[in-house]
Amino acid sequence: EAITGVPAAEIEAFARLVGETKRSYFRLGYGFTRNRNGAVNMHA
């Protein structure tokens, strides 16, 4: 939360959703990699 600005409760809710939903399809784009740490973001 301190780094991203996203409230911890939102992060918890997202994590629970993908944790409980086995058929989760992550469609990963280009936009979030156009930062100087972009390759690390994609891998994470």
PDB file of all heavy atoms in Angstrom:
ATOM      1  N   GLU A   1       0.828  -1.204   0.000  1.00  0.00           N
ATOM      2  CA  GLU A   1       0.000   0.000   0.000  1.00  0.00           C
ATOM      3  C   GLU A   1       0.865   1.258   0.000  1.00  0.00           C
ATOM      4  O   GLU A   1       0.597   2.218  -0.730  1.00  0.00           O
ATOM      5  CB  GLU A   1      -0.930   0.006   1.212  1.00  0.00           C
ATOM      6  CG  GLU A   1      -1.790   1.264   1.287  1.00  0.00           C
ATOM      7  CD  GLU A   1      -2.782   1.241   2.448  1.00  0.00           C
ATOM      8  OE1 GLU A   1      -2.956   0.182   3.085  1.00  0.00           O
ATOM      9  OE2 GLU A   1      -3.392   2.298   2.708  1.00  0.00           O
ATOM     10  N   ALA A   2       1.918   1.251   0.804  1.00  0.00           N
ATOM     11  CA  ALA A   2       2.801   2.417   0.875  1.00  0.00           C
ATOM     12  C   ALA A   2       3.510   2.682  -0.448  1.00  0.00           C
ATOM     13  O   ALA A   2       3.809   3.831  -0.796  1.00  0.00           O
ATOM     14  CB  ALA A   2       3.832   2.213   1.985  1.00  0.00           C
ATOM     15  N   ILE A   3       3.768   1.629  -1.214  1.00  0.00           N
ATOM     16  CA  ILE A   3       4.492   1.770  -2.485  1.00  0.00           C
ATOM     17  C   ILE A   3       3.542   2.063  -3.628  1.00  0.00           C
ATOM     18  O   ILE A   3       3.798   2.936  -4.468  1.00  0.00           O
ATOM     19  CB  ILE A   3       5.298   0.482  -2.777  1.00  0.00           C
ATOM     20  CG1 ILE A   3       6.364   0.266  -1.708  1.00  0.00           C
ATOM     21  CG2 ILE A   3       5.936   0.542  -4.169  1.00  0.00           C
ATOM     22  CD1 ILE A   3       7.015  -1.101  -1.766  1.00  0.00           C
ATOM     23  N   THR A   4       2.426   1.340  -3.699  1.00  0.00           N
ATOM     24  CA  THR A   4       1.524   1.391  -4.852  1.00  0.00           C
ATOM     25  C   THR A   4       0.421   2.429  -4.732  1.00  0.00           C
ATOM     26  O   THR A   4      -0.133   2.872  -5.745  1.00  0.00           O
ATOM     27  CB  THR A   4       0.838   0.028  -5.061  1.00  0.00           C
ATOM     28  OG1 THR A   4      -0.016  -0.244  -3.926  1.00  0.00           O
ATOM     29  CG2 THR A   4       1.860  -1.093  -5.205  1.00  0.00           C
ATOM     30  N   GLY A   5       0.046   2.773  -3.499  1.00  0.00           N
ATOM     31  CA  GLY A   5      -1.124   3.604  -3.263  1.00  0.00           C
ATOM     32  C   GLY A   5      -2.415   2.822  -3.202  1.00  0.00           C
ATOM     33  O   GLY A   5      -3.482   3.396  -2.954  1.00  0.00           O
ATOM     34  N   VAL A   6      -2.371   1.507  -3.423  1.00  0.00           N
ATOM     35  CA  VAL A   6      -3.566   0.665  -3.393  1.00  0.00           C
ATOM     36  C   VAL A   6      -3.844   0.255  -1.949  1.00  0.00           C
ATOM     37  O   VAL A   6      -2.958  -0.308  -1.286  1.00  0.00           O
ATOM     38  CB  VAL A   6      -3.386  -0.592  -4.266  1.00  0.00           C
ATOM     39  CG1 VAL A   6      -4.648  -1.452  -4.227  1.00  0.00           C
ATOM     40  CG2 VAL A   6      -3.037  -0.207  -5.693  1.00  0.00           C
ATOM     41  N   PRO A   7      -5.041   0.506  -1.409  1.00  0.00           N
ATOM     42  CA  PRO A   7      -5.329   0.112  -0.031  1.00  0.00           C
ATOM     43  C   PRO A   7      -5.093  -1.382   0.199  1.00  0.00           C
ATOM     44  O   PRO A   7      -5.406  -2.217  -0.667  1.00  0.00           O
ATOM     45  CB  PRO A   7      -6.809   0.467   0.132  1.00  0.00           C
ATOM     46  CG  PRO A   7      -7.050   1.556  -0.867  1.00  0.00           C
ATOM     47  CD  PRO A   7      -6.172   1.212  -2.034  1.00  0.00           C
ATOM     48  N   ALA A   8      -4.555  -1.720   1.350  1.00  0.00           N
ATOM     49  CA  ALA A   8      -4.254  -3.112   1.676  1.00  0.00           C
ATOM     50  C   ALA A   8      -5.502  -3.989   1.560  1.00  0.00           C
ATOM     51  O   ALA A   8      -5.417  -5.152   1.143  1.00  0.00           O
ATOM     52  CB  ALA A   8      -3.658  -3.205   3.082  1.00  0.00           C
ATOM     53  N   ALA A   9      -6.653  -3.448   1.909  1.00  0.00           N
ATOM     54  CA  ALA A   9      -7.888  -4.242   1.837  1.00  0.00           C
ATOM     55  C   ALA A   9      -8.195  -4.634   0.389  1.00  0.00           C
ATOM     56  O   ALA A   9      -8.690  -5.741   0.129  1.00  0.00           O
ATOM     57  CB  ALA A   9      -9.050  -3.449   2.425  1.00  0.00           C
ATOM     58  N   GLU A  10      -7.926  -3.747  -0.569  1.00  0.00           N
ATOM     59  CA  GLU A  10      -8.127  -4.083  -1.982  1.00  0.00           C
ATOM     60  C   GLU A  10      -7.184  -5.202  -2.413  1.00  0.00           C
ATOM     61  O   GLU A  10      -7.565  -6.090  -3.179  1.00  0.00           O
ATOM     62  CB  GLU A  10      -7.898  -2.857  -2.874  1.00  0.00           C
ATOM     63  CG  GLU A  10      -9.049  -1.888  -2.937  1.00  0.00           C
ATOM     64  CD  GLU A  10      -8.832  -0.811  -3.997  1.00  0.00           C
ATOM     65  OE1 GLU A  10      -8.148  -1.092  -5.010  1.00  0.00           O
ATOM     66  OE2 GLU A  10      -9.330   0.306  -3.798  1.00  0.00           O
ATOM     67  N   ILE A  11      -5.949  -5.125  -1.947  1.00  0.00           N
ATOM     68  CA  ILE A  11      -4.970  -6.155  -2.296  1.00  0.00           C
ATOM     69  C   ILE A  11      -5.400  -7.495  -1.728  1.00  0.00           C
ATOM     70  O   ILE A  11      -5.322  -8.536  -2.399  1.00  0.00           O
ATOM     71  CB  ILE A  11      -3.569  -5.749  -1.799  1.00  0.00           C
ATOM     72  CG1 ILE A  11      -3.137  -4.424  -2.452  1.00  0.00           C
ATOM     73  CG2 ILE A  11      -2.553  -6.851  -2.080  1.00  0.00           C
ATOM     74  CD1 ILE A  11      -1.846  -3.846  -1.888  1.00  0.00           C
ATOM     75  N   GLU A  12      -5.857  -7.493  -0.487  1.00  0.00           N
ATOM     76  CA  GLU A  12      -6.339  -8.727   0.141  1.00  0.00           C
ATOM     77  C   GLU A  12      -7.514  -9.316  -0.655  1.00  0.00           C
ATOM     78  O   GLU A  12      -7.569 -10.527  -0.900  1.00  0.00           O
ATOM     79  CB  GLU A  12      -6.783  -8.444   1.584  1.00  0.00           C
ATOM     80  CG  GLU A  12      -5.676  -8.024   2.531  1.00  0.00           C
ATOM     81  CD  GLU A  12      -5.006  -9.191   3.230  1.00  0.00           C
ATOM     82  OE1 GLU A  12      -5.369 -10.354   2.938  1.00  0.00           O
ATOM     83  OE2 GLU A  12      -4.113  -8.940   4.066  1.00  0.00           O
ATOM     84  N   ALA A  13      -8.438  -8.462  -1.079  1.00  0.00           N
ATOM     85  CA  ALA A  13      -9.611  -8.941  -1.819  1.00  0.00           C
ATOM     86  C   ALA A  13      -9.204  -9.539  -3.165  1.00  0.00           C
ATOM     87  O   ALA A  13      -9.728 -10.585  -3.578  1.00  0.00           O
ATOM     88  CB  ALA A  13     -10.595  -7.791  -2.018  1.00  0.00           C
ATOM     89  N   PHE A  14      -8.287  -8.892  -3.848  1.00  0.00           N
ATOM     90  CA  PHE A  14      -7.800  -9.412  -5.128  1.00  0.00           C
ATOM     91  C   PHE A  14      -7.095 -10.746  -4.934  1.00  0.00           C
ATOM     92  O   PHE A  14      -7.318 -11.710  -5.680  1.00  0.00           O
ATOM     93  CB  PHE A  14      -6.872  -8.377  -5.766  1.00  0.00           C
ATOM     94  CG  PHE A  14      -6.168  -8.841  -7.011  1.00  0.00           C
ATOM     95  CD1 PHE A  14      -6.840  -9.564  -7.995  1.00  0.00           C
ATOM     96  CD2 PHE A  14      -4.829  -8.551  -7.203  1.00  0.00           C
ATOM     97  CE1 PHE A  14      -6.183  -9.973  -9.156  1.00  0.00           C
ATOM     98  CE2 PHE A  14      -4.163  -8.959  -8.352  1.00  0.00           C
ATOM     99  CZ  PHE A  14      -4.836  -9.684  -9.323  1.00  0.00           C
ATOM    100  N   ALA A  15      -6.271 -10.840  -3.920  1.00  0.00           N
ATOM    101  CA  ALA A  15      -5.549 -12.083  -3.657  1.00  0.00           C
ATOM    102  C   ALA A  15      -6.514 -13.225  -3.345  1.00  0.00           C
ATOM    103  O   ALA A  15      -6.348 -14.351  -3.837  1.00  0.00           O
ATOM    104  CB  ALA A  15      -4.562 -11.881  -2.506  1.00  0.00           C
ATOM    105  N   ARG A  16      -7.529 -12.948  -2.542  1.00  0.00           N
ATOM    106  CA  ARG A  16      -8.516 -13.988  -2.229  1.00  0.00           C
ATOM    107  C   ARG A  16      -9.245 -14.434  -3.488  1.00  0.00           C
ATOM    108  O   ARG A  16      -9.494 -15.628  -3.684  1.00  0.00           O
ATOM    109  CB  ARG A  16      -9.518 -13.483  -1.188  1.00  0.00           C
ATOM    110  CG  ARG A  16      -9.025 -13.486   0.234  1.00  0.00           C
ATOM    111  CD  ARG A  16     -10.179 -13.355   1.230  1.00  0.00           C
ATOM    112  NE  ARG A  16     -10.999 -12.172   0.967  1.00  0.00           N
ATOM    113  CZ  ARG A  16     -10.731 -10.963   1.428  1.00  0.00           C
ATOM    114  NH1 ARG A  16      -9.651 -10.767   2.184  1.00  0.00           N
ATOM    115  NH2 ARG A  16     -11.536  -9.940   1.157  1.00  0.00           N
ATOM    116  N   LEU A  17      -9.598 -13.475  -4.343  1.00  0.00           N
ATOM    117  CA  LEU A  17     -10.329 -13.812  -5.565  1.00  0.00           C
ATOM    118  C   LEU A  17      -9.527 -14.779  -6.427  1.00  0.00           C
ATOM    119  O   LEU A  17     -10.049 -15.824  -6.848  1.00  0.00           O
ATOM    120  CB  LEU A  17     -10.655 -12.535  -6.347  1.00  0.00           C
ATOM    121  CG  LEU A  17     -11.318 -12.737  -7.710  1.00  0.00           C
ATOM    122  CD1 LEU A  17     -12.666 -13.438  -7.572  1.00  0.00           C
ATOM    123  CD2 LEU A  17     -11.482 -11.401  -8.427  1.00  0.00           C
ATOM    124  N   VAL A  18      -8.274 -14.469  -6.703  1.00  0.00           N
ATOM    125  CA  VAL A  18      -7.500 -15.356  -7.572  1.00  0.00           C
ATOM    126  C   VAL A  18      -7.085 -16.623  -6.828  1.00  0.00           C
ATOM    127  O   VAL A  18      -6.883 -17.681  -7.453  1.00  0.00           O
ATOM    128  CB  VAL A  18      -6.274 -14.640  -8.176  1.00  0.00           C
ATOM    129  CG1 VAL A  18      -6.710 -13.493  -9.069  1.00  0.00           C
ATOM    130  CG2 VAL A  18      -5.296 -14.164  -7.115  1.00  0.00           C
ATOM    131  N   GLY A  19      -6.975 -16.544  -5.510  1.00  0.00           N
ATOM    132  CA  GLY A  19      -6.655 -17.743  -4.748  1.00  0.00           C
ATOM    133  C   GLY A  19      -7.795 -18.747  -4.742  1.00  0.00           C
ATOM    134  O   GLY A  19      -7.576 -19.962  -4.819  1.00  0.00           O
ATOM    135  N   GLU A  20      -9.005 -18.246  -4.661  1.00  0.00           N
ATOM    136  CA  GLU A  20     -10.179 -19.117  -4.620  1.00  0.00           C
ATOM    137  C   GLU A  20     -10.653 -19.525  -6.004  1.00  0.00           C
ATOM    138  O   GLU A  20     -11.486 -20.426  -6.132  1.00  0.00           O
ATOM    139  CB  GLU A  20     -11.320 -18.395  -3.885  1.00  0.00           C
ATOM    140  CG  GLU A  20     -11.031 -18.165  -2.405  1.00  0.00           C
ATOM    141  CD  GLU A  20     -12.049 -17.255  -1.747  1.00  0.00           C
ATOM    142  OE1 GLU A  20     -12.849 -16.620  -2.493  1.00  0.00           O
ATOM    143  OE2 GLU A  20     -12.034 -17.146  -0.508  1.00  0.00           O
ATOM    144  N   THR A  21     -10.148 -18.867  -7.055  1.00  0.00           N
ATOM    145  CA  THR A  21     -10.627 -19.090  -8.422  1.00  0.00           C
ATOM    146  C   THR A  21      -9.517 -19.728  -9.234  1.00  0.00           C
ATOM    147  O   THR A  21      -8.620 -19.049  -9.736  1.00  0.00           O
ATOM    148  CB  THR A  21     -11.067 -17.760  -9.068  1.00  0.00           C
ATOM    149  OG1 THR A  21     -11.930 -17.056  -8.170  1.00  0.00           O
ATOM    150  CG2 THR A  21     -11.785 -18.012 -10.385  1.00  0.00           C
ATOM    151  N   LYS A  22      -9.566 -21.047  -9.342  1.00  0.00           N
ATOM    152  CA  LYS A  22      -8.474 -21.755 -10.015  1.00  0.00           C
ATOM    153  C   LYS A  22      -8.378 -21.387 -11.492  1.00  0.00           C
ATOM    154  O   LYS A  22      -7.291 -21.302 -12.046  1.00  0.00           O
ATOM    155  CB  LYS A  22      -8.660 -23.270  -9.858  1.00  0.00           C
ATOM    156  CG  LYS A  22      -8.461 -23.769  -8.437  1.00  0.00           C
ATOM    157  CD  LYS A  22      -7.060 -23.456  -7.931  1.00  0.00           C
ATOM    158  CE  LYS A  22      -6.801 -24.030  -6.563  1.00  0.00           C
ATOM    159  NZ  LYS A  22      -5.427 -23.692  -6.073  1.00  0.00           N
ATOM    160  N   ARG A  23      -9.527 -21.194 -12.122  1.00  0.00           N
ATOM    161  CA  ARG A  23      -9.511 -20.815 -13.545  1.00  0.00           C
ATOM    162  C   ARG A  23      -9.372 -19.295 -13.663  1.00  0.00           C
ATOM    163  O   ARG A  23     -10.281 -18.599 -14.111  1.00  0.00           O
ATOM    164  CB  ARG A  23     -10.783 -21.295 -14.242  1.00  0.00           C
ATOM    165  CG  ARG A  23     -10.922 -22.804 -14.336  1.00  0.00           C
ATOM    166  CD  ARG A  23     -12.235 -23.177 -15.012  1.00  0.00           C
ATOM    167  NE  ARG A  23     -12.475 -24.609 -14.959  1.00  0.00           N
ATOM    168  CZ  ARG A  23     -12.136 -25.473 -15.918  1.00  0.00           C
ATOM    169  NH1 ARG A  23     -11.562 -25.022 -17.012  1.00  0.00           N
ATOM    170  NH2 ARG A  23     -12.386 -26.759 -15.789  1.00  0.00           N
ATOM    171  N   SER A  24      -8.241 -18.784 -13.228  1.00  0.00           N
ATOM    172  CA  SER A  24      -7.938 -17.364 -13.379  1.00  0.00           C
ATOM    173  C   SER A  24      -6.966 -17.196 -14.539  1.00  0.00           C
ATOM    174  O   SER A  24      -5.904 -17.837 -14.569  1.00  0.00           O
ATOM    175  CB  SER A  24      -7.330 -16.792 -12.095  1.00  0.00           C
ATOM    176  OG  SER A  24      -8.298 -16.698 -11.073  1.00  0.00           O
ATOM    177  N   TYR A  25      -7.341 -16.352 -15.473  1.00  0.00           N
ATOM    178  CA  TYR A  25      -6.542 -16.118 -16.681  1.00  0.00           C
ATOM    179  C   TYR A  25      -5.933 -14.726 -16.575  1.00  0.00           C
ATOM    180  O   TYR A  25      -6.645 -13.721 -16.565  1.00  0.00           O
ATOM    181  CB  TYR A  25      -7.424 -16.228 -17.919  1.00  0.00           C
ATOM    182  CG  TYR A  25      -6.671 -16.301 -19.235  1.00  0.00           C
ATOM    183  CD1 TYR A  25      -6.617 -17.490 -19.954  1.00  0.00           C
ATOM    184  CD2 TYR A  25      -6.029 -15.193 -19.774  1.00  0.00           C
ATOM    185  CE1 TYR A  25      -5.947 -17.581 -21.167  1.00  0.00           C
ATOM    186  CE2 TYR A  25      -5.352 -15.271 -20.978  1.00  0.00           C
ATOM    187  CZ  TYR A  25      -5.313 -16.463 -21.669  1.00  0.00           C
ATOM    188  OH  TYR A  25      -4.642 -16.541 -22.873  1.00  0.00           O
ATOM    189  N   PHE A  26      -4.618 -14.667 -16.479  1.00  0.00           N
ATOM    190  CA  PHE A  26      -3.910 -13.398 -16.361  1.00  0.00           C
ATOM    191  C   PHE A  26      -3.497 -12.933 -17.760  1.00  0.00           C
ATOM    192  O   PHE A  26      -2.626 -13.537 -18.391  1.00  0.00           O
ATOM    193  CB  PHE A  26      -2.669 -13.549 -15.478  1.00  0.00           C
ATOM    194  CG  PHE A  26      -2.979 -13.749 -14.023  1.00  0.00           C
ATOM    195  CD1 PHE A  26      -3.384 -14.994 -13.548  1.00  0.00           C
ATOM    196  CD2 PHE A  26      -2.887 -12.701 -13.126  1.00  0.00           C
ATOM    197  CE1 PHE A  26      -3.679 -15.189 -12.209  1.00  0.00           C
ATOM    198  CE2 PHE A  26      -3.182 -12.890 -11.784  1.00  0.00           C
ATOM    199  CZ  PHE A  26      -3.577 -14.134 -11.322  1.00  0.00           C
ATOM    200  N   ARG A  27      -4.130 -11.876 -18.238  1.00  0.00           N
ATOM    201  CA  ARG A  27      -3.777 -11.307 -19.546  1.00  0.00           C
ATOM    202  C   ARG A  27      -2.855 -10.117 -19.293  1.00  0.00           C
ATOM    203  O   ARG A  27      -3.302  -9.046 -18.883  1.00  0.00           O
ATOM    204  CB  ARG A  27      -5.036 -10.883 -20.309  1.00  0.00           C
ATOM    205  CG  ARG A  27      -4.768 -10.345 -21.715  1.00  0.00           C
ATOM    206  CD  ARG A  27      -4.058 -11.400 -22.564  1.00  0.00           C
ATOM    207  NE  ARG A  27      -3.868 -10.957 -23.936  1.00  0.00           N
ATOM    208  CZ  ARG A  27      -2.841 -10.194 -24.356  1.00  0.00           C
ATOM    209  NH1 ARG A  27      -1.951  -9.771 -23.483  1.00  0.00           N
ATOM    210  NH2 ARG A  27      -2.727  -9.872 -25.620  1.00  0.00           N
ATOM    211  N   LEU A  28      -1.553 -10.333 -19.511  1.00  0.00           N
ATOM    212  CA  LEU A  28      -0.518  -9.376 -19.138  1.00  0.00           C
ATOM    213  C   LEU A  28      -0.121  -8.532 -20.344  1.00  0.00           C
ATOM    214  O   LEU A  28       0.293  -9.066 -21.373  1.00  0.00           O
ATOM    215  CB  LEU A  28       0.699 -10.126 -18.589  1.00  0.00           C
ATOM    216  CG  LEU A  28       0.400 -11.100 -17.444  1.00  0.00           C
ATOM    217  CD1 LEU A  28       1.645 -11.888 -17.068  1.00  0.00           C
ATOM    218  CD2 LEU A  28      -0.157 -10.353 -16.225  1.00  0.00           C
ATOM    219  N   GLY A  29      -0.230  -7.210 -20.221  1.00  0.00           N
ATOM    220  CA  GLY A  29      -0.001  -6.313 -21.340  1.00  0.00           C
ATOM    221  C   GLY A  29       1.415  -5.774 -21.404  1.00  0.00           C
ATOM    222  O   GLY A  29       2.313  -6.178 -20.658  1.00  0.00           O
ATOM    223  N   TYR A  30       1.606  -4.819 -22.297  1.00  0.00           N
ATOM    224  CA  TYR A  30       2.897  -4.155 -22.459  1.00  0.00           C
ATOM    225  C   TYR A  30       3.040  -2.922 -21.572  1.00  0.00           C
ATOM    226  O   TYR A  30       4.135  -2.558 -21.158  1.00  0.00           O
ATOM    227  CB  TYR A  30       3.077  -3.716 -23.921  1.00  0.00           C
ATOM    228  CG  TYR A  30       3.370  -4.831 -24.881  1.00  0.00           C
ATOM    229  CD1 TYR A  30       2.350  -5.398 -25.640  1.00  0.00           C
ATOM    230  CD2 TYR A  30       4.658  -5.328 -25.034  1.00  0.00           C
ATOM    231  CE1 TYR A  30       2.611  -6.430 -26.528  1.00  0.00           C
ATOM    232  CE2 TYR A  30       4.923  -6.360 -25.920  1.00  0.00           C
ATOM    233  CZ  TYR A  30       3.896  -6.904 -26.670  1.00  0.00           C
ATOM    234  OH  TYR A  30       4.163  -7.932 -27.540  1.00  0.00           O
ATOM    235  N   GLY A  31       1.913  -2.253 -21.279  1.00  0.00           N
ATOM    236  CA  GLY A  31       1.985  -0.940 -20.657  1.00  0.00           C
ATOM    237  C   GLY A  31       2.755  -0.914 -19.357  1.00  0.00           C
ATOM    238  O   GLY A  31       3.565  -0.006 -19.122  1.00  0.00           O
ATOM    239  N   PHE A  32       2.523  -1.907 -18.490  1.00  0.00           N
ATOM    240  CA  PHE A  32       3.150  -1.851 -17.172  1.00  0.00           C
ATOM    241  C   PHE A  32       4.626  -2.235 -17.198  1.00  0.00           C
ATOM    242  O   PHE A  32       5.313  -2.148 -16.189  1.00  0.00           O
ATOM    243  CB  PHE A  32       2.365  -2.698 -16.162  1.00  0.00           C
ATOM    244  CG  PHE A  32       2.550  -4.193 -16.254  1.00  0.00           C
ATOM    245  CD1 PHE A  32       3.161  -4.887 -15.224  1.00  0.00           C
ATOM    246  CD2 PHE A  32       2.062  -4.911 -17.344  1.00  0.00           C
ATOM    247  CE1 PHE A  32       3.295  -6.274 -15.279  1.00  0.00           C
ATOM    248  CE2 PHE A  32       2.196  -6.277 -17.402  1.00  0.00           C
ATOM    249  CZ  PHE A  32       2.818  -6.974 -16.371  1.00  0.00           C
ATOM    250  N   THR A  33       5.126  -2.623 -18.375  1.00  0.00           N
ATOM    251  CA  THR A  33       6.557  -2.920 -18.487  1.00  0.00           C
ATOM    252  C   THR A  33       7.346  -1.731 -19.024  1.00  0.00           C
ATOM    253  O   THR A  33       8.580  -1.805 -19.103  1.00  0.00           O
ATOM    254  CB  THR A  33       6.797  -4.125 -19.410  1.00  0.00           C
ATOM    255  OG1 THR A  33       6.519  -3.772 -20.770  1.00  0.00           O
ATOM    256  CG2 THR A  33       5.946  -5.306 -19.000  1.00  0.00           C
ATOM    257  N   ARG A  34       6.673  -0.650 -19.383  1.00  0.00           N
ATOM    258  CA  ARG A  34       7.385   0.509 -19.941  1.00  0.00           C
ATOM    259  C   ARG A  34       7.824   1.455 -18.837  1.00  0.00           C
ATOM    260  O   ARG A  34       7.623   2.668 -18.877  1.00  0.00           O
ATOM    261  CB  ARG A  34       6.517   1.185 -20.993  1.00  0.00           C
ATOM    262  CG  ARG A  34       6.407   0.262 -22.218  1.00  0.00           C
ATOM    263  CD  ARG A  34       5.631   0.803 -23.360  1.00  0.00           C
ATOM    264  NE  ARG A  34       5.663  -0.179 -24.450  1.00  0.00           N
ATOM    265  CZ  ARG A  34       4.639  -0.511 -25.196  1.00  0.00           C
ATOM    266  NH1 ARG A  34       3.478   0.065 -24.992  1.00  0.00           N
ATOM    267  NH2 ARG A  34       4.761  -1.400 -26.159  1.00  0.00           N
ATOM    268  N   ASN A  35       8.414   0.841 -17.818  1.00  0.00           N
ATOM    269  CA  ASN A  35       9.076   1.521 -16.714  1.00  0.00           C
ATOM    270  C   ASN A  35      10.489   0.967 -16.614  1.00  0.00           C
ATOM    271  O   ASN A  35      10.775  -0.113 -17.142  1.00  0.00           O
ATOM    272  CB  ASN A  35       8.326   1.279 -15.401  1.00  0.00           C
ATOM    273  CG  ASN A  35       6.966   1.951 -15.375  1.00  0.00           C
ATOM    274  OD1 ASN A  35       6.837   3.103 -15.008  1.00  0.00           O
ATOM    275  ND2 ASN A  35       5.931   1.212 -15.772  1.00  0.00           N
ATOM    276  N   ARG A  36      11.348   1.650 -15.917  1.00  0.00           N
ATOM    277  CA  ARG A  36      12.741   1.190 -15.824  1.00  0.00           C
ATOM    278  C   ARG A  36      12.870  -0.120 -15.065  1.00  0.00           C
ATOM    279  O   ARG A  36      13.894  -0.786 -15.145  1.00  0.00           O
ATOM    280  CB  ARG A  36      13.612   2.300 -15.225  1.00  0.00           C
ATOM    281  CG  ARG A  36      13.838   3.429 -16.234  1.00  0.00           C
ATOM    282  CD  ARG A  36      14.403   4.700 -15.602  1.00  0.00           C
ATOM    283  NE  ARG A  36      14.628   5.714 -16.632  1.00  0.00           N
ATOM    284  CZ  ARG A  36      13.666   6.488 -17.158  1.00  0.00           C
ATOM    285  NH1 ARG A  36      12.407   6.358 -16.726  1.00  0.00           N
ATOM    286  NH2 ARG A  36      13.947   7.370 -18.085  1.00  0.00           N
ATOM    287  N   ASN A  37      11.827  -0.503 -14.332  1.00  0.00           N
ATOM    288  CA  ASN A  37      11.790  -1.821 -13.693  1.00  0.00           C
ATOM    289  C   ASN A  37      10.770  -2.734 -14.369  1.00  0.00           C
ATOM    290  O   ASN A  37      10.248  -3.669 -13.764  1.00  0.00           O
ATOM    291  CB  ASN A  37      11.478  -1.681 -12.203  1.00  0.00           C
ATOM    292  CG  ASN A  37      10.160  -0.954 -11.944  1.00  0.00           C
ATOM    293  OD1 ASN A  37       9.422  -0.615 -12.874  1.00  0.00           O
ATOM    294  ND2 ASN A  37       9.855  -0.706 -10.676  1.00  0.00           N
ATOM    295  N   GLY A  38      10.492  -2.477 -15.655  1.00  0.00           N
ATOM    296  CA  GLY A  38       9.400  -3.154 -16.335  1.00  0.00           C
ATOM    297  C   GLY A  38       9.546  -4.652 -16.458  1.00  0.00           C
ATOM    298  O   GLY A  38       8.566  -5.399 -16.328  1.00  0.00           O
ATOM    299  N   ALA A  39      10.755  -5.147 -16.738  1.00  0.00           N
ATOM    300  CA  ALA A  39      10.940  -6.600 -16.858  1.00  0.00           C
ATOM    301  C   ALA A  39      10.676  -7.282 -15.524  1.00  0.00           C
ATOM    302  O   ALA A  39      10.103  -8.382 -15.478  1.00  0.00           O
ATOM    303  CB  ALA A  39      12.348  -6.905 -17.355  1.00  0.00           C
ATOM    304  N   VAL A  40      11.071  -6.642 -14.426  1.00  0.00           N
ATOM    305  CA  VAL A  40      10.826  -7.187 -13.087  1.00  0.00           C
ATOM    306  C   VAL A  40       9.327  -7.211 -12.796  1.00  0.00           C
ATOM    307  O   VAL A  40       8.798  -8.176 -12.226  1.00  0.00           O
ATOM    308  CB  VAL A  40      11.580  -6.363 -12.028  1.00  0.00           C
ATOM    309  CG1 VAL A  40      11.289  -6.872 -10.621  1.00  0.00           C
ATOM    310  CG2 VAL A  40      13.079  -6.390 -12.306  1.00  0.00           C
ATOM    311  N   ASN A  41       8.622  -6.164 -13.203  1.00  0.00           N
ATOM    312  CA  ASN A  41       7.171  -6.125 -12.992  1.00  0.00           C
ATOM    313  C   ASN A  41       6.471  -7.264 -13.721  1.00  0.00           C
ATOM    314  O   ASN A  41       5.571  -7.914 -13.178  1.00  0.00           O
ATOM    315  CB  ASN A  41       6.617  -4.779 -13.474  1.00  0.00           C
ATOM    316  CG  ASN A  41       7.075  -3.613 -12.632  1.00  0.00           C
ATOM    317  OD1 ASN A  41       7.454  -3.777 -11.485  1.00  0.00           O
ATOM    318  ND2 ASN A  41       7.050  -2.416 -13.215  1.00  0.00           N
ATOM    319  N   MET A  42       6.864  -7.494 -14.974  1.00  0.00           N
ATOM    320  CA  MET A  42       6.259  -8.584 -15.741  1.00  0.00           C
ATOM    321  C   MET A  42       6.511  -9.928 -15.061  1.00  0.00           C
ATOM    322  O   MET A  42       5.588 -10.743 -14.894  1.00  0.00           O
ATOM    323  CB  MET A  42       6.809  -8.596 -17.165  1.00  0.00           C
ATOM    324  CG  MET A  42       6.391  -9.809 -18.003  1.00  0.00           C
ATOM    325  SD  MET A  42       4.614 -10.004 -18.269  1.00  0.00           S
ATOM    326  CE  MET A  42       4.363  -8.813 -19.602  1.00  0.00           C
ATOM    327  N   HIS A  43       7.749 -10.186 -14.672  1.00  0.00           N
ATOM    328  CA  HIS A  43       8.076 -11.471 -14.041  1.00  0.00           C
ATOM    329  C   HIS A  43       7.284 -11.663 -12.749  1.00  0.00           C
ATOM    330  O   HIS A  43       6.802 -12.764 -12.461  1.00  0.00           O
ATOM    331  CB  HIS A  43       9.582 -11.559 -13.781  1.00  0.00           C
ATOM    332  CG  HIS A  43       9.986 -12.795 -13.060  1.00  0.00           C
ATOM    333  ND1 HIS A  43      10.374 -12.794 -11.740  1.00  0.00           N
ATOM    334  CD2 HIS A  43      10.032 -14.091 -13.464  1.00  0.00           C
ATOM    335  CE1 HIS A  43      10.663 -14.032 -11.367  1.00  0.00           C
ATOM    336  NE2 HIS A  43      10.461 -14.835 -12.390  1.00  0.00           N
ATOM    337  N   ALA A  44       7.136 -10.598 -11.967  1.00  0.00           N
ATOM    338  CA  ALA A  44       6.419 -10.710 -10.697  1.00  0.00           C
ATOM    339  C   ALA A  44       4.938 -11.014 -10.927  1.00  0.00           C
ATOM    340  O   ALA A  44       4.371 -11.908 -10.281  1.00  0.00           O
ATOM    341  CB  ALA A  44       6.588  -9.422  -9.893  1.00  0.00           C
TER     342      ALA A  44
END
